[in-house]
C-alpha atoms as a PDB file:
ATOM      1  CA  UNK A   1      -9.597  26.239   7.923  1.00  0.00           C
ATOM      2  CA  UNK A   2      -6.819  27.050   5.238  1.00  0.00           C
ATOM      3  CA  UNK A   3      -8.041  30.319   3.615  1.00  0.00           C
ATOM      4  CA  UNK A   4      -4.891  31.041   1.661  1.00  0.00           C
ATOM      5  CA  UNK A   5      -3.739  27.826   0.149  1.00  0.00           C
ATOM      6  CA  UNK A   6      -4.820  24.337  -0.921  1.00  0.00           C
ATOM      7  CA  UNK A   7      -3.567  21.674   1.380  1.00  0.00           C
ATOM      8  CA  UNK A   8      -2.522  18.264   0.197  1.00  0.00           C
ATOM      9  CA  UNK A   9       0.142  15.481  -0.012  1.00  0.00           C
ATOM     10  CA  UNK A  10       2.764  16.334  -2.681  1.00  0.00           C
ATOM     11  CA  UNK A  11       5.158  13.745  -4.082  1.00  0.00           C
ATOM     12  CA  UNK A  12       7.854  15.446  -2.021  1.00  0.00           C
ATOM     13  CA  UNK A  13       5.738  14.901   1.173  1.00  0.00           C
ATOM     14  CA  UNK A  14       5.097  11.298   0.194  1.00  0.00           C
ATOM     15  CA  UNK A  15       8.897  10.532  -0.444  1.00  0.00           C
ATOM     16  CA  UNK A  16      10.135  12.234   2.737  1.00  0.00           C
ATOM     17  CA  UNK A  17       7.278  10.469   5.011  1.00  0.00           C
ATOM     18  CA  UNK A  18       7.657   6.907   3.506  1.00  0.00           C
ATOM     19  CA  UNK A  19      11.197   6.829   2.050  1.00  0.00           C
ATOM     20  CA  UNK A  20       9.818   5.557  -1.132  1.00  0.00           C
ATOM     21  CA  UNK A  21      11.392   7.323  -4.063  1.00  0.00           C
ATOM     22  CA  UNK A  22       9.143   8.282  -7.047  1.00  0.00           C
ATOM     23  CA  UNK A  23      10.264   7.508 -10.617  1.00  0.00           C
ATOM     24  CA  UNK A  24      13.610   6.097  -9.758  1.00  0.00           C
ATOM     25  CA  UNK A  25      13.108   2.690 -11.159  1.00  0.00           C
ATOM     26  CA  UNK A  26      11.600   2.586 -14.702  1.00  0.00           C
ATOM     27  CA  UNK A  27      11.052  -1.170 -14.679  1.00  0.00           C
ATOM     28  CA  UNK A  28       7.926  -2.190 -16.309  1.00  0.00           C
ATOM     29  CA  UNK A  29       5.696  -4.714 -14.391  1.00  0.00           C
ATOM     30  CA  UNK A  30       4.782  -7.794 -16.539  1.00  0.00           C
ATOM     31  CA  UNK A  31       1.011  -7.826 -16.456  1.00  0.00           C
ATOM     32  CA  UNK A  32      -1.328 -10.400 -18.115  1.00  0.00           C
ATOM     33  CA  UNK A  33      -4.055 -12.827 -17.045  1.00  0.00           C
ATOM     34  CA  UNK A  34      -1.714 -15.828 -16.636  1.00  0.00           C
ATOM     35  CA  UNK A  35      -1.960 -15.655 -12.852  1.00  0.00           C
ATOM     36  CA  UNK A  36      -5.627 -15.642 -12.885  1.00  0.00           C
ATOM     37  CA  UNK A  37      -5.658 -19.411 -13.717  1.00  0.00           C
ATOM     38  CA  UNK A  38      -5.946 -21.359 -10.609  1.00  0.00           C
ATOM     39  CA  UNK A  39      -3.247 -23.859 -11.502  1.00  0.00           C
ATOM     40  CA  UNK A  40      -0.826 -21.042 -11.999  1.00  0.00           C
ATOM     41  CA  UNK A  41      -1.855 -19.160  -8.811  1.00  0.00           C
ATOM     42  CA  UNK A  42      -1.280 -22.448  -6.738  1.00  0.00           C
ATOM     43  CA  UNK A  43       2.512 -22.055  -7.713  1.00  0.00           C
ATOM     44  CA  UNK A  44       2.747 -19.171  -5.322  1.00  0.00           C
ATOM     45  CA  UNK A  45      -0.272 -19.807  -3.057  1.00  0.00           C
ATOM     46  CA  UNK A  46      -0.418 -23.674  -2.590  1.00  0.00           C
ATOM     47  CA  UNK A  47      -3.577 -23.766  -0.505  1.00  0.00           C
ATOM     48  CA  UNK A  48      -5.896 -21.646  -2.769  1.00  0.00           C
ATOM     49  CA  UNK A  49      -8.979 -23.191  -4.098  1.00  0.00           C
ATOM     50  CA  UNK A  50     -12.122 -22.064  -5.916  1.00  0.00           C
ATOM     51  CA  UNK A  51     -13.752 -20.824  -2.760  1.00  0.00           C
ATOM     52  CA  UNK A  52     -10.954 -18.336  -2.087  1.00  0.00           C
ATOM     53  CA  UNK A  53     -11.418 -16.566  -5.573  1.00  0.00           C
ATOM     54  CA  UNK A  54     -14.080 -14.277  -6.559  1.00  0.00           C
ATOM     55  CA  UNK A  55     -13.999 -12.387  -9.997  1.00  0.00           C
ATOM     56  CA  UNK A  56     -10.290 -13.250 -10.366  1.00  0.00           C
ATOM     57  CA  UNK A  57      -9.476 -11.800  -6.881  1.00  0.00           C
ATOM     58  CA  UNK A  58      -8.192 -13.499  -3.818  1.00  0.00           C
ATOM     59  CA  UNK A  59      -9.493 -12.681  -0.450  1.00  0.00           C
ATOM     60  CA  UNK A  60      -7.421 -10.886   2.161  1.00  0.00           C
ATOM     61  CA  UNK A  61      -8.697 -13.353   4.756  1.00  0.00           C
ATOM     62  CA  UNK A  62      -7.179 -16.129   2.685  1.00  0.00           C
ATOM     63  CA  UNK A  63      -3.836 -14.517   2.379  1.00  0.00           C
ATOM     64  CA  UNK A  64      -3.730 -14.147   6.145  1.00  0.00           C
ATOM     65  CA  UNK A  65      -3.633 -17.850   6.566  1.00  0.00           C
ATOM     66  CA  UNK A  66      -0.122 -17.927   4.950  1.00  0.00           C
ATOM     67  CA  UNK A  67       1.245 -15.361   7.484  1.00  0.00           C
ATOM     68  CA  UNK A  68       1.324 -17.757  10.440  1.00  0.00           C
ATOM     69  CA  UNK A  69       4.897 -18.783  11.153  1.00  0.00           C
ATOM     70  CA  UNK A  70       5.240 -22.618  11.526  1.00  0.00           C
ATOM     71  CA  UNK A  71       8.210 -24.203  13.266  1.00  0.00           C
ATOM     72  CA  UNK A  72       9.308 -26.092  10.136  1.00  0.00           C
ATOM     73  CA  UNK A  73      10.117 -22.970   8.139  1.00  0.00           C
ATOM     74  CA  UNK A  74      10.187 -24.964   4.906  1.00  0.00           C
ATOM     75  CA  UNK A  75       8.184 -22.446   2.985  1.00  0.00           C
ATOM     76  CA  UNK A  76       9.713 -19.164   3.750  1.00  0.00           C
ATOM     77  CA  UNK A  77       9.665 -17.967   0.081  1.00  0.00           C
ATOM     78  CA  UNK A  78       5.779 -18.725   0.137  1.00  0.00           C
ATOM     79  CA  UNK A  79       5.454 -16.635   3.128  1.00  0.00           C
ATOM     80  CA  UNK A  80       7.555 -13.950   1.600  1.00  0.00           C
ATOM     81  CA  UNK A  81       5.408 -13.868  -1.554  1.00  0.00           C
ATOM     82  CA  UNK A  82       2.231 -13.776   0.387  1.00  0.00           C
ATOM     83  CA  UNK A  83       3.507 -11.091   2.726  1.00  0.00           C
ATOM     84  CA  UNK A  84       4.188  -8.691  -0.218  1.00  0.00           C
ATOM     85  CA  UNK A  85       0.879  -9.697  -1.869  1.00  0.00           C
ATOM     86  CA  UNK A  86      -0.892  -8.965   1.470  1.00  0.00           C
ATOM     87  CA  UNK A  87       0.868  -5.651   1.719  1.00  0.00           C
ATOM     88  CA  UNK A  88      -0.191  -4.767  -1.755  1.00  0.00           C
ATOM     89  CA  UNK A  89      -3.751  -5.561  -1.147  1.00  0.00           C
ATOM     90  CA  UNK A  90      -4.419  -4.599   2.438  1.00  0.00           C
ATOM     91  CA  UNK A  91      -2.292  -1.512   2.644  1.00  0.00           C
ATOM     92  CA  UNK A  92      -0.853  -0.046  -0.509  1.00  0.00           C
ATOM     93  CA  UNK A  93      -3.534  -0.681  -3.165  1.00  0.00           C
ATOM     94  CA  UNK A  94      -6.488  -1.315  -0.802  1.00  0.00           C
ATOM     95  CA  UNK A  95     -10.007  -1.979  -2.337  1.00  0.00           C
ATOM     96  CA  UNK A  96     -13.430  -1.588  -0.701  1.00  0.00           C
ATOM     97  CA  UNK A  97     -14.117  -5.467  -1.038  1.00  0.00           C
ATOM     98  CA  UNK A  98     -10.869  -6.636   0.913  1.00  0.00           C
ATOM     99  CA  UNK A  99      -9.577  -8.563  -2.151  1.00  0.00           C
ATOM    100  CA  UNK A 100      -6.283  -8.616  -4.193  1.00  0.00           C
ATOM    101  CA  UNK A 101      -6.459  -9.228  -7.958  1.00  0.00           C
ATOM    102  CA  UNK A 102      -4.626 -12.489  -8.886  1.00  0.00           C
ATOM    103  CA  UNK A 103      -2.705 -10.527 -11.632  1.00  0.00           C
ATOM    104  CA  UNK A 104      -0.690  -8.992  -8.727  1.00  0.00           C
ATOM    105  CA  UNK A 105       1.100 -12.380  -8.432  1.00  0.00           C
ATOM    106  CA  UNK A 106       3.095 -11.508 -11.541  1.00  0.00           C
ATOM    107  CA  UNK A 107       4.726  -8.876  -9.424  1.00  0.00           C
ATOM    108  CA  UNK A 108       5.760 -11.088  -6.640  1.00  0.00           C
ATOM    109  CA  UNK A 109       6.627 -13.984  -8.620  1.00  0.00           C
ATOM    110  CA  UNK A 110      10.118 -12.829  -9.202  1.00  0.00           C
ATOM    111  CA  UNK A 111      11.268 -11.258  -5.987  1.00  0.00           C
ATOM    112  CA  UNK A 112      14.561  -9.946  -7.500  1.00  0.00           C
ATOM    113  CA  UNK A 113      12.718  -7.896 -10.135  1.00  0.00           C
ATOM    114  CA  UNK A 114      10.228  -6.670  -7.479  1.00  0.00           C
ATOM    115  CA  UNK A 115      13.001  -4.594  -6.002  1.00  0.00           C
ATOM    116  CA  UNK A 116      13.323  -2.688  -9.178  1.00  0.00           C
ATOM    117  CA  UNK A 117       9.577  -1.568  -9.572  1.00  0.00           C
ATOM    118  CA  UNK A 118       8.765   1.995  -9.044  1.00  0.00           C
ATOM    119  CA  UNK A 119       6.558   1.357  -5.875  1.00  0.00           C
ATOM    120  CA  UNK A 120       6.450   4.883  -4.898  1.00  0.00           C
ATOM    121  CA  UNK A 121       4.699   6.198  -7.895  1.00  0.00           C
ATOM    122  CA  UNK A 122       2.227   3.415  -8.050  1.00  0.00           C
ATOM    123  CA  UNK A 123       1.338   3.768  -4.433  1.00  0.00           C
ATOM    124  CA  UNK A 124       0.865   7.504  -4.663  1.00  0.00           C
ATOM    125  CA  UNK A 125      -1.116   7.324  -7.903  1.00  0.00           C
ATOM    126  CA  UNK A 126      -3.317   4.696  -6.244  1.00  0.00           C
ATOM    127  CA  UNK A 127      -3.979   7.125  -3.328  1.00  0.00           C
ATOM    128  CA  UNK A 128      -4.701  10.168  -5.595  1.00  0.00           C
ATOM    129  CA  UNK A 129      -7.109   7.926  -7.493  1.00  0.00           C
ATOM    130  CA  UNK A 130      -8.864   6.746  -4.280  1.00  0.00           C
ATOM    131  CA  UNK A 131      -9.171  10.303  -3.084  1.00  0.00           C
ATOM    132  CA  UNK A 132     -10.668  11.410  -6.500  1.00  0.00           C
ATOM    133  CA  UNK A 133     -13.202   8.525  -6.224  1.00  0.00           C
ATOM    134  CA  UNK A 134     -14.104   9.230  -2.707  1.00  0.00           C
ATOM    135  CA  UNK A 135     -14.736  12.931  -3.605  1.00  0.00           C
ATOM    136  CA  UNK A 136     -16.734  12.314  -6.780  1.00  0.00           C
ATOM    137  CA  UNK A 137     -18.865   9.354  -5.584  1.00  0.00           C
ATOM    138  CA  UNK A 138     -18.967   9.896  -1.724  1.00  0.00           C
ATOM    139  CA  UNK A 139     -17.742   6.444  -1.020  1.00  0.00           C
ATOM    140  CA  UNK A 140     -14.973   5.588   1.478  1.00  0.00           C
ATOM    141  CA  UNK A 141     -11.359   6.364   0.899  1.00  0.00           C
ATOM    142  CA  UNK A 142      -9.387   3.236  -0.133  1.00  0.00           C
ATOM    143  CA  UNK A 143      -5.657   3.061  -1.169  1.00  0.00           C
ATOM    144  CA  UNK A 144      -2.837   3.850   1.211  1.00  0.00           C
ATOM    145  CA  UNK A 145      -4.946   6.220   3.392  1.00  0.00           C
ATOM    146  CA  UNK A 146      -2.872   5.684   6.435  1.00  0.00           C
ATOM    147  CA  UNK A 147      -0.363   8.023   4.786  1.00  0.00           C
ATOM    148  CA  UNK A 148      -2.922  10.926   5.239  1.00  0.00           C
ATOM    149  CA  UNK A 149      -3.121  10.342   9.004  1.00  0.00           C
ATOM    150  CA  UNK A 150       0.678  10.330   9.192  1.00  0.00           C
ATOM    151  CA  UNK A 151       0.852  13.472   6.925  1.00  0.00           C
ATOM    152  CA  UNK A 152      -1.633  15.297   9.014  1.00  0.00           C
ATOM    153  CA  UNK A 153       0.213  14.371  12.236  1.00  0.00           C
ATOM    154  CA  UNK A 154       3.444  15.521  10.899  1.00  0.00           C
ATOM    155  CA  UNK A 155       2.400  18.729   9.128  1.00  0.00           C
ATOM    156  CA  UNK A 156      -0.569  19.924  11.139  1.00  0.00           C
ATOM    157  CA  UNK A 157       0.673  18.899  14.596  1.00  0.00           C
ATOM    158  CA  UNK A 158      -2.608  17.189  15.615  1.00  0.00           C
ATOM    159  CA  UNK A 159      -1.945  14.870  18.464  1.00  0.00           C
ATOM    160  CA  UNK A 160       1.422  16.233  19.152  1.00  0.00           C
ATOM    161  CA  UNK A 161       2.048  16.609  23.119  1.00  0.00           C
ATOM    162  CA  UNK A 162       1.613  20.098  24.430  1.00  0.00           C
ATOM    163  CA  UNK A 163       4.748  22.021  25.144  1.00  0.00           C
ATOM    164  CA  UNK A 164       5.565  25.361  26.647  1.00  0.00           C
ATOM    165  CA  UNK A 165       5.120  28.266  24.087  1.00  0.00           C
ATOM    166  CA  UNK A 166       8.822  29.356  24.333  1.00  0.00           C
ATOM    167  CA  UNK A 167      10.127  25.955  23.283  1.00  0.00           C
ATOM    168  CA  UNK A 168       7.304  25.104  20.771  1.00  0.00           C
ATOM    169  CA  UNK A 169       8.945  26.382  17.632  1.00  0.00           C
ATOM    170  CA  UNK A 170      12.368  25.052  18.305  1.00  0.00           C
ATOM    171  CA  UNK A 171      10.865  21.567  18.981  1.00  0.00           C
ATOM    172  CA  UNK A 172       8.450  21.725  16.172  1.00  0.00           C
ATOM    173  CA  UNK A 173       9.655  23.786  13.407  1.00  0.00           C
ATOM    174  CA  UNK A 174       6.887  22.697  10.961  1.00  0.00           C
ATOM    175  CA  UNK A 175       4.342  24.696  13.158  1.00  0.00           C
ATOM    176  CA  UNK A 176       5.860  27.943  11.907  1.00  0.00           C
ATOM    177  CA  UNK A 177       4.734  27.119   8.321  1.00  0.00           C
END
């Protein structure tokens, strides 16, 4: 289909499509097994118990239970922690078994520091790793695969509305490339 060049998502494509910079924030994420202990995990996920944990991972289904909005709004910070954790496990660093490592709680524990992490590099590296794994093993693509659909839509014009030939290139300049 593309005989003259290899086609793929570059870091520049990624930054332009997601508005997440790459390499801008060099803050290191504290990563240890402290959050794998159930009593520590309950600090951020108060309703968690042993049935929600498998191999030091929490299920996405359990995280969804925190995302319902209640009228009292007392636990907004719990909802914020869980939403970020849910996004990490369900969208950005998706796995085939729909779980999130409890070690990710270290990232959402301090929301002020979380804004300084280099999310762009981590998410793009995870996508590259998922694509490599899918090609090498023949398994499904995990990671932030939704970016591939968006990228294909933007750069290849698949699914764009049909327009008259004389206005096509002025309306969709990327079709010239």
